[in-house]
Amino acid sequence: MWMAALSLPSLTAIILLYAAGEHAALYNQTFVTVSGFTLGIGYIVTLILLLQNSGVKRWLKPLSAYGQMALTNYLLHTVISVSLFVPGHLYRKIGLRQGVLISVFLTVIQITLSNWWLCHFRFGPAEWAWRCFTYGQLQPLKKSG
């Protein structure tokens, strides 16, 4: 709450200075920096407080597998997106809303696949390859038992 109390005056100043024109740009940038910093700290504190709640933890549990396979998911999302958007110049033909919907759809599929994958294997494929490279020997991939 106190972060909002610090950020709201800065945001109000930004809006007023923006309306004032270019000569207020230096002041405007200062207020943008201050409000961004205070809002960022506020978001972090809010997230920490939320994550202390067991109900929120339970709700976010399906995302843990997605996070454990972050490198694999990043690479897969990139390959799928580039394959989908670049060859036919699809990125020029769809709007922001459609692009976001496609990205959300891909992410939901990846969350589902990540949960399935980690039921059978210890790491994601890219994480496994990274571990093998780091340790200089093949690491066990399948879950034992």
N, C-alpha and C. Protein backbone atom coordinates (compact mmCIF):
# COMPACT_ATOMS: atom_id res chain seq x y z
N MET A 1 0.82 -1.19 0.00
CA MET A 1 0.00 0.00 0.00
C MET A 1 0.87 1.26 0.00
N TRP A 2 1.98 1.21 0.77
CA TRP A 2 2.82 2.40 0.83
C TRP A 2 3.54 2.64 -0.49
N MET A 3 3.76 1.56 -1.27
CA MET A 3 4.37 1.74 -2.59
C MET A 3 3.41 2.48 -3.52
N ALA A 4 2.14 2.17 -3.42
CA ALA A 4 1.15 2.88 -4.23
C ALA A 4 1.12 4.35 -3.83
N ALA A 5 1.25 4.61 -2.53
CA ALA A 5 1.27 5.99 -2.05
C ALA A 5 2.47 6.76 -2.61
N LEU A 6 3.59 6.06 -2.81
CA LEU A 6 4.77 6.70 -3.40
C LEU A 6 4.65 6.81 -4.92
N SER A 7 4.06 5.82 -5.54
CA SER A 7 4.02 5.77 -7.01
C SER A 7 2.94 6.65 -7.61
N LEU A 8 1.79 6.73 -6.97
CA LEU A 8 0.69 7.50 -7.55
C LEU A 8 1.03 8.97 -7.78
N PRO A 9 1.68 9.66 -6.81
CA PRO A 9 2.07 11.05 -7.11
C PRO A 9 3.03 11.14 -8.30
N SER A 10 3.95 10.20 -8.40
CA SER A 10 4.89 10.20 -9.53
C SER A 10 4.14 9.98 -10.84
N LEU A 11 3.20 9.05 -10.84
CA LEU A 11 2.43 8.79 -12.05
C LEU A 11 1.57 10.00 -12.43
N THR A 12 1.03 10.68 -11.43
CA THR A 12 0.26 11.90 -11.69
C THR A 12 1.15 12.96 -12.31
N ALA A 13 2.36 13.12 -11.76
CA ALA A 13 3.31 14.09 -12.30
C ALA A 13 3.68 13.75 -13.74
N ILE A 14 3.85 12.47 -14.04
CA ILE A 14 4.19 12.06 -15.41
C ILE A 14 3.09 12.49 -16.37
N ILE A 15 1.85 12.25 -15.98
CA ILE A 15 0.72 12.61 -16.84
C ILE A 15 0.66 14.12 -17.05
N LEU A 16 0.84 14.89 -15.99
CA LEU A 16 0.79 16.35 -16.10
C LEU A 16 1.96 16.89 -16.93
N LEU A 17 3.16 16.35 -16.71
CA LEU A 17 4.32 16.81 -17.47
C LEU A 17 4.23 16.41 -18.93
N TYR A 18 3.65 15.27 -19.21
CA TYR A 18 3.48 14.84 -20.60
C TYR A 18 2.57 15.82 -21.34
N ALA A 19 1.56 16.28 -20.64
CA ALA A 19 0.64 17.24 -21.24
C ALA A 19 1.31 18.61 -21.43
N ALA A 20 2.35 18.90 -20.61
CA ALA A 20 3.02 20.20 -20.66
C ALA A 20 3.90 20.35 -21.90
N GLY A 21 4.33 19.27 -22.49
CA GLY A 21 5.14 19.35 -23.71
C GLY A 21 6.57 18.90 -23.51
N GLU A 22 7.39 19.17 -24.53
CA GLU A 22 8.76 18.65 -24.56
C GLU A 22 9.68 19.27 -23.52
N HIS A 23 9.50 20.53 -23.16
CA HIS A 23 10.41 21.19 -22.24
C HIS A 23 10.42 20.53 -20.85
N ALA A 24 9.44 19.71 -20.57
CA ALA A 24 9.36 19.03 -19.27
C ALA A 24 9.90 17.60 -19.34
N ALA A 25 10.58 17.26 -20.43
CA ALA A 25 11.02 15.87 -20.65
C ALA A 25 11.98 15.38 -19.57
N LEU A 26 12.92 16.22 -19.12
CA LEU A 26 13.88 15.80 -18.10
C LEU A 26 13.17 15.47 -16.79
N TYR A 27 12.25 16.33 -16.39
CA TYR A 27 11.49 16.06 -15.17
C TYR A 27 10.64 14.80 -15.34
N ASN A 28 10.05 14.68 -16.50
CA ASN A 28 9.20 13.52 -16.79
C ASN A 28 10.01 12.23 -16.64
N GLN A 29 11.23 12.19 -17.18
CA GLN A 29 12.07 10.99 -17.08
C GLN A 29 12.39 10.67 -15.63
N THR A 30 12.61 11.68 -14.82
CA THR A 30 12.89 11.46 -13.40
C THR A 30 11.70 10.80 -12.72
N PHE A 31 10.52 11.31 -12.99
CA PHE A 31 9.32 10.72 -12.39
C PHE A 31 9.04 9.31 -12.91
N VAL A 32 9.34 9.07 -14.18
CA VAL A 32 9.17 7.72 -14.73
C VAL A 32 10.09 6.76 -14.00
N THR A 33 11.33 7.16 -13.77
CA THR A 33 12.30 6.31 -13.08
C THR A 33 11.85 6.04 -11.65
N VAL A 34 11.44 7.08 -10.93
CA VAL A 34 11.02 6.92 -9.53
C VAL A 34 9.77 6.04 -9.44
N SER A 35 8.78 6.30 -10.28
CA SER A 35 7.55 5.51 -10.19
C SER A 35 7.80 4.06 -10.61
N GLY A 36 8.64 3.85 -11.62
CA GLY A 36 8.95 2.48 -12.03
C GLY A 36 9.65 1.71 -10.94
N PHE A 37 10.59 2.35 -10.27
CA PHE A 37 11.32 1.70 -9.18
C PHE A 37 10.39 1.35 -8.03
N THR A 38 9.57 2.30 -7.61
CA THR A 38 8.69 2.04 -6.46
C THR A 38 7.63 1.00 -6.81
N LEU A 39 7.09 1.05 -8.01
CA LEU A 39 6.12 0.03 -8.41
C LEU A 39 6.77 -1.34 -8.50
N GLY A 40 7.99 -1.40 -9.00
CA GLY A 40 8.71 -2.67 -9.08
C GLY A 40 8.92 -3.29 -7.71
N ILE A 41 9.36 -2.48 -6.76
CA ILE A 41 9.53 -2.96 -5.38
C ILE A 41 8.19 -3.41 -4.82
N GLY A 42 7.15 -2.64 -5.11
CA GLY A 42 5.81 -3.02 -4.64
C GLY A 42 5.35 -4.36 -5.20
N TYR A 43 5.62 -4.60 -6.49
CA TYR A 43 5.26 -5.88 -7.10
C TYR A 43 6.01 -7.03 -6.44
N ILE A 44 7.29 -6.83 -6.19
CA ILE A 44 8.10 -7.88 -5.57
C ILE A 44 7.59 -8.20 -4.17
N VAL A 45 7.32 -7.17 -3.38
CA VAL A 45 6.81 -7.37 -2.01
C VAL A 45 5.46 -8.07 -2.06
N THR A 46 4.58 -7.65 -2.96
CA THR A 46 3.27 -8.28 -3.10
C THR A 46 3.41 -9.75 -3.47
N LEU A 47 4.30 -10.05 -4.40
CA LEU A 47 4.52 -11.43 -4.81
C LEU A 47 5.04 -12.28 -3.65
N ILE A 48 5.97 -11.74 -2.90
CA ILE A 48 6.50 -12.48 -1.74
C ILE A 48 5.40 -12.76 -0.73
N LEU A 49 4.57 -11.76 -0.46
CA LEU A 49 3.47 -11.95 0.50
C LEU A 49 2.46 -12.96 -0.03
N LEU A 50 2.15 -12.90 -1.31
CA LEU A 50 1.20 -13.86 -1.89
C LEU A 50 1.73 -15.29 -1.83
N LEU A 51 3.02 -15.45 -2.07
CA LEU A 51 3.61 -16.79 -2.09
C LEU A 51 3.71 -17.42 -0.71
N GLN A 52 3.46 -16.66 0.33
CA GLN A 52 3.43 -17.22 1.67
C GLN A 52 2.08 -17.86 1.98
N ASN A 53 1.11 -17.65 1.11
CA ASN A 53 -0.23 -18.20 1.28
C ASN A 53 -0.27 -19.59 0.63
N SER A 54 -0.69 -20.60 1.39
CA SER A 54 -0.71 -21.97 0.87
C SER A 54 -1.70 -22.14 -0.28
N GLY A 55 -2.79 -21.41 -0.28
CA GLY A 55 -3.76 -21.49 -1.37
C GLY A 55 -3.16 -21.00 -2.68
N VAL A 56 -2.40 -19.92 -2.61
CA VAL A 56 -1.74 -19.39 -3.81
C VAL A 56 -0.67 -20.37 -4.29
N LYS A 57 0.07 -20.95 -3.36
CA LYS A 57 1.08 -21.95 -3.73
C LYS A 57 0.45 -23.13 -4.45
N ARG A 58 -0.67 -23.59 -3.95
CA ARG A 58 -1.37 -24.73 -4.55
C ARG A 58 -1.86 -24.37 -5.97
N TRP A 59 -2.34 -23.15 -6.12
CA TRP A 59 -2.84 -22.69 -7.41
C TRP A 59 -1.70 -22.57 -8.43
N LEU A 60 -0.51 -22.18 -7.97
CA LEU A 60 0.63 -22.00 -8.86
C LEU A 60 1.44 -23.27 -9.08
N LYS A 61 1.12 -24.34 -8.37
CA LYS A 61 1.89 -25.59 -8.45
C LYS A 61 2.08 -26.10 -9.88
N PRO A 62 1.07 -26.07 -10.76
CA PRO A 62 1.29 -26.55 -12.13
C PRO A 62 2.38 -25.77 -12.88
N LEU A 63 2.64 -24.55 -12.46
CA LEU A 63 3.67 -23.76 -13.13
C LEU A 63 5.08 -24.16 -12.72
N SER A 64 5.22 -24.94 -11.65
CA SER A 64 6.56 -25.30 -11.19
C SER A 64 7.29 -26.16 -12.23
N ALA A 65 6.59 -27.08 -12.87
CA ALA A 65 7.22 -27.90 -13.91
C ALA A 65 7.64 -27.03 -15.10
N TYR A 66 6.84 -26.06 -15.43
CA TYR A 66 7.16 -25.13 -16.52
C TYR A 66 8.45 -24.38 -16.18
N GLY A 67 8.59 -23.98 -14.93
CA GLY A 67 9.80 -23.29 -14.50
C GLY A 67 11.02 -24.20 -14.44
N GLN A 68 10.81 -25.46 -14.06
CA GLN A 68 11.92 -26.41 -14.00
C GLN A 68 12.46 -26.71 -15.39
N MET A 69 11.65 -26.52 -16.38
CA MET A 69 12.06 -26.76 -17.76
C MET A 69 12.15 -25.43 -18.53
N ALA A 70 12.61 -24.38 -17.85
CA ALA A 70 12.60 -23.04 -18.44
C ALA A 70 13.41 -22.96 -19.73
N LEU A 71 14.61 -23.53 -19.75
CA LEU A 71 15.43 -23.46 -20.96
C LEU A 71 14.77 -24.21 -22.12
N THR A 72 14.29 -25.41 -21.85
CA THR A 72 13.59 -26.19 -22.88
C THR A 72 12.38 -25.42 -23.40
N ASN A 73 11.58 -24.86 -22.49
CA ASN A 73 10.38 -24.14 -22.90
C ASN A 73 10.71 -22.88 -23.69
N TYR A 74 11.76 -22.18 -23.27
CA TYR A 74 12.19 -20.98 -24.00
C TYR A 74 12.59 -21.35 -25.43
N LEU A 75 13.44 -22.38 -25.54
CA LEU A 75 13.90 -22.80 -26.87
C LEU A 75 12.74 -23.30 -27.73
N LEU A 76 11.86 -24.11 -27.15
CA LEU A 76 10.72 -24.65 -27.89
C LEU A 76 9.78 -23.54 -28.35
N HIS A 77 9.49 -22.61 -27.46
CA HIS A 77 8.61 -21.49 -27.80
C HIS A 77 9.21 -20.67 -28.94
N THR A 78 10.53 -20.46 -28.88
CA THR A 78 11.21 -19.70 -29.93
C THR A 78 11.15 -20.42 -31.26
N VAL A 79 11.47 -21.71 -31.26
CA VAL A 79 11.45 -22.50 -32.50
C VAL A 79 10.05 -22.53 -33.10
N ILE A 80 9.04 -22.77 -32.28
CA ILE A 80 7.66 -22.82 -32.78
C ILE A 80 7.24 -21.46 -33.32
N SER A 81 7.53 -20.40 -32.58
CA SER A 81 7.12 -19.06 -33.01
C SER A 81 7.81 -18.64 -34.30
N VAL A 82 9.12 -18.87 -34.38
CA VAL A 82 9.84 -18.50 -35.60
C VAL A 82 9.33 -19.34 -36.77
N SER A 83 9.11 -20.63 -36.56
CA SER A 83 8.61 -21.50 -37.63
C SER A 83 7.21 -21.08 -38.08
N LEU A 84 6.42 -20.60 -37.16
CA LEU A 84 5.05 -20.23 -37.46
C LEU A 84 4.96 -18.85 -38.11
N PHE A 85 5.72 -17.89 -37.59
CA PHE A 85 5.53 -16.50 -38.00
C PHE A 85 6.43 -16.04 -39.15
N VAL A 86 7.65 -16.56 -39.25
CA VAL A 86 8.59 -16.02 -40.22
C VAL A 86 8.36 -16.49 -41.65
N PRO A 87 8.23 -17.79 -41.93
CA PRO A 87 8.15 -18.22 -43.34
C PRO A 87 7.04 -17.55 -44.16
N GLY A 88 5.87 -17.44 -43.64
CA GLY A 88 4.77 -16.83 -44.39
C GLY A 88 4.54 -15.38 -44.03
N HIS A 89 5.48 -14.78 -43.33
CA HIS A 89 5.36 -13.40 -42.85
C HIS A 89 4.07 -13.20 -42.06
N LEU A 90 3.71 -14.20 -41.29
CA LEU A 90 2.49 -14.15 -40.49
C LEU A 90 2.53 -13.00 -39.49
N TYR A 91 3.74 -12.66 -39.02
CA TYR A 91 3.86 -11.58 -38.04
C TYR A 91 3.36 -10.25 -38.60
N ARG A 92 3.34 -10.11 -39.93
CA ARG A 92 2.83 -8.88 -40.55
C ARG A 92 1.32 -8.92 -40.75
N LYS A 93 0.76 -10.12 -40.71
CA LYS A 93 -0.65 -10.30 -41.09
C LYS A 93 -1.61 -10.38 -39.91
N ILE A 94 -1.08 -10.59 -38.71
CA ILE A 94 -1.97 -10.70 -37.55
C ILE A 94 -1.76 -9.51 -36.63
N GLY A 95 -2.78 -9.24 -35.85
CA GLY A 95 -2.71 -8.13 -34.92
C GLY A 95 -2.12 -8.55 -33.58
N LEU A 96 -2.00 -7.60 -32.71
CA LEU A 96 -1.45 -7.84 -31.38
C LEU A 96 -2.29 -8.85 -30.60
N ARG A 97 -3.60 -8.70 -30.66
CA ARG A 97 -4.49 -9.59 -29.92
C ARG A 97 -4.31 -11.05 -30.37
N GLN A 98 -4.26 -11.27 -31.67
CA GLN A 98 -4.07 -12.64 -32.17
C GLN A 98 -2.70 -13.18 -31.78
N GLY A 99 -1.68 -12.33 -31.84
CA GLY A 99 -0.33 -12.75 -31.45
C GLY A 99 -0.26 -13.17 -29.99
N VAL A 100 -0.92 -12.39 -29.14
CA VAL A 100 -0.94 -12.72 -27.71
C VAL A 100 -1.72 -14.01 -27.49
N LEU A 101 -2.84 -14.19 -28.16
CA LEU A 101 -3.62 -15.42 -28.01
C LEU A 101 -2.83 -16.65 -28.45
N ILE A 102 -2.10 -16.54 -29.55
CA ILE A 102 -1.27 -17.65 -30.01
C ILE A 102 -0.19 -17.96 -28.97
N SER A 103 0.42 -16.93 -28.44
CA SER A 103 1.47 -17.11 -27.44
C SER A 103 0.93 -17.74 -26.16
N VAL A 104 -0.23 -17.29 -25.71
CA VAL A 104 -0.86 -17.87 -24.51
C VAL A 104 -1.21 -19.33 -24.77
N PHE A 105 -1.75 -19.63 -25.95
CA PHE A 105 -2.09 -21.00 -26.32
C PHE A 105 -0.84 -21.89 -26.28
N LEU A 106 0.25 -21.42 -26.87
CA LEU A 106 1.51 -22.19 -26.85
C LEU A 106 2.00 -22.40 -25.42
N THR A 107 1.88 -21.37 -24.59
CA THR A 107 2.34 -21.48 -23.21
C THR A 107 1.51 -22.50 -22.43
N VAL A 108 0.20 -22.50 -22.61
CA VAL A 108 -0.66 -23.47 -21.93
C VAL A 108 -0.29 -24.89 -22.36
N ILE A 109 -0.04 -25.08 -23.65
CA ILE A 109 0.39 -26.40 -24.13
C ILE A 109 1.72 -26.78 -23.50
N GLN A 110 2.64 -25.83 -23.42
CA GLN A 110 3.95 -26.12 -22.83
C GLN A 110 3.84 -26.43 -21.34
N ILE A 111 2.97 -25.76 -20.63
CA ILE A 111 2.77 -26.06 -19.21
C ILE A 111 2.27 -27.49 -19.06
N THR A 112 1.30 -27.86 -19.89
CA THR A 112 0.76 -29.22 -19.85
C THR A 112 1.83 -30.26 -20.18
N LEU A 113 2.58 -30.02 -21.25
CA LEU A 113 3.65 -30.96 -21.64
C LEU A 113 4.76 -31.02 -20.59
N SER A 114 5.07 -29.90 -19.97
CA SER A 114 6.11 -29.88 -18.93
C SER A 114 5.71 -30.74 -17.74
N ASN A 115 4.46 -30.64 -17.33
CA ASN A 115 3.98 -31.47 -16.22
C ASN A 115 4.02 -32.95 -16.59
N TRP A 116 3.60 -33.28 -17.82
CA TRP A 116 3.66 -34.68 -18.26
C TRP A 116 5.11 -35.16 -18.31
N TRP A 117 5.99 -34.36 -18.90
CA TRP A 117 7.39 -34.76 -19.07
C TRP A 117 8.05 -35.04 -17.72
N LEU A 118 7.84 -34.15 -16.76
CA LEU A 118 8.51 -34.31 -15.47
C LEU A 118 7.89 -35.42 -14.62
N CYS A 119 6.77 -35.98 -15.05
CA CYS A 119 6.25 -37.19 -14.39
C CYS A 119 7.11 -38.39 -14.76
N HIS A 120 7.77 -38.33 -15.92
CA HIS A 120 8.53 -39.46 -16.44
C HIS A 120 10.04 -39.26 -16.40
N PHE A 121 10.48 -38.00 -16.43
CA PHE A 121 11.90 -37.70 -16.52
C PHE A 121 12.32 -36.72 -15.43
N ARG A 122 13.61 -36.71 -15.13
CA ARG A 122 14.13 -35.85 -14.07
C ARG A 122 14.29 -34.40 -14.49
N PHE A 123 14.63 -34.19 -15.77
CA PHE A 123 14.89 -32.85 -16.30
C PHE A 123 14.26 -32.71 -17.67
N GLY A 124 14.16 -31.47 -18.12
CA GLY A 124 13.77 -31.24 -19.50
C GLY A 124 14.93 -31.61 -20.41
N PRO A 125 14.68 -31.80 -21.71
CA PRO A 125 15.75 -32.19 -22.63
C PRO A 125 16.92 -31.21 -22.68
N ALA A 126 16.63 -29.93 -22.76
CA ALA A 126 17.71 -28.93 -22.81
C ALA A 126 18.45 -28.87 -21.48
N GLU A 127 17.72 -28.98 -20.37
CA GLU A 127 18.37 -28.96 -19.05
C GLU A 127 19.25 -30.19 -18.87
N TRP A 128 18.80 -31.34 -19.39
CA TRP A 128 19.59 -32.56 -19.32
C TRP A 128 20.88 -32.40 -20.13
N ALA A 129 20.76 -31.88 -21.36
CA ALA A 129 21.95 -31.67 -22.20
C ALA A 129 22.92 -30.71 -21.53
N TRP A 130 22.38 -29.67 -20.91
CA TRP A 130 23.22 -28.69 -20.21
C TRP A 130 23.96 -29.35 -19.05
N ARG A 131 23.27 -30.18 -18.29
CA ARG A 131 23.91 -30.90 -17.18
C ARG A 131 24.99 -31.85 -17.67
N CYS A 132 24.70 -32.57 -18.74
CA CYS A 132 25.71 -33.50 -19.30
C CYS A 132 26.95 -32.73 -19.73
N PHE A 133 26.75 -31.60 -20.38
CA PHE A 133 27.87 -30.77 -20.82
C PHE A 133 28.64 -30.23 -19.61
N THR A 134 27.92 -29.76 -18.60
CA THR A 134 28.56 -29.19 -17.41
C THR A 134 29.38 -30.21 -16.66
N TYR A 135 28.82 -31.41 -16.45
CA TYR A 135 29.51 -32.43 -15.67
C TYR A 135 30.44 -33.30 -16.51
N GLY A 136 30.38 -33.17 -17.82
CA GLY A 136 31.27 -33.91 -18.70
C GLY A 136 30.96 -35.39 -18.81
N GLN A 137 29.78 -35.79 -18.43
CA GLN A 137 29.36 -37.18 -18.57
C GLN A 137 27.84 -37.24 -18.64
N LEU A 138 27.33 -38.34 -19.20
CA LEU A 138 25.88 -38.49 -19.32
C LEU A 138 25.24 -38.57 -17.94
N GLN A 139 24.18 -37.82 -17.78
CA GLN A 139 23.42 -37.82 -16.53
C GLN A 139 22.18 -38.69 -16.72
N PRO A 140 21.72 -39.34 -15.66
CA PRO A 140 20.48 -40.12 -15.80
C PRO A 140 19.31 -39.19 -16.10
N LEU A 141 18.53 -39.55 -17.09
CA LEU A 141 17.39 -38.72 -17.48
C LEU A 141 16.08 -39.26 -16.93
N LYS A 142 15.88 -40.56 -17.05
CA LYS A 142 14.63 -41.17 -16.57
C LYS A 142 14.58 -41.16 -15.05
N LYS A 143 13.38 -41.01 -14.53
CA LYS A 143 13.20 -41.13 -13.08
C LYS A 143 13.39 -42.58 -12.68
N SER A 144 14.05 -42.80 -11.57
CA SER A 144 14.24 -44.19 -11.11
C SER A 144 13.00 -44.65 -10.36
N GLY A 145 12.64 -45.91 -10.57
CA GLY A 145 11.52 -46.52 -9.84
C GLY A 145 10.27 -46.27 -10.51
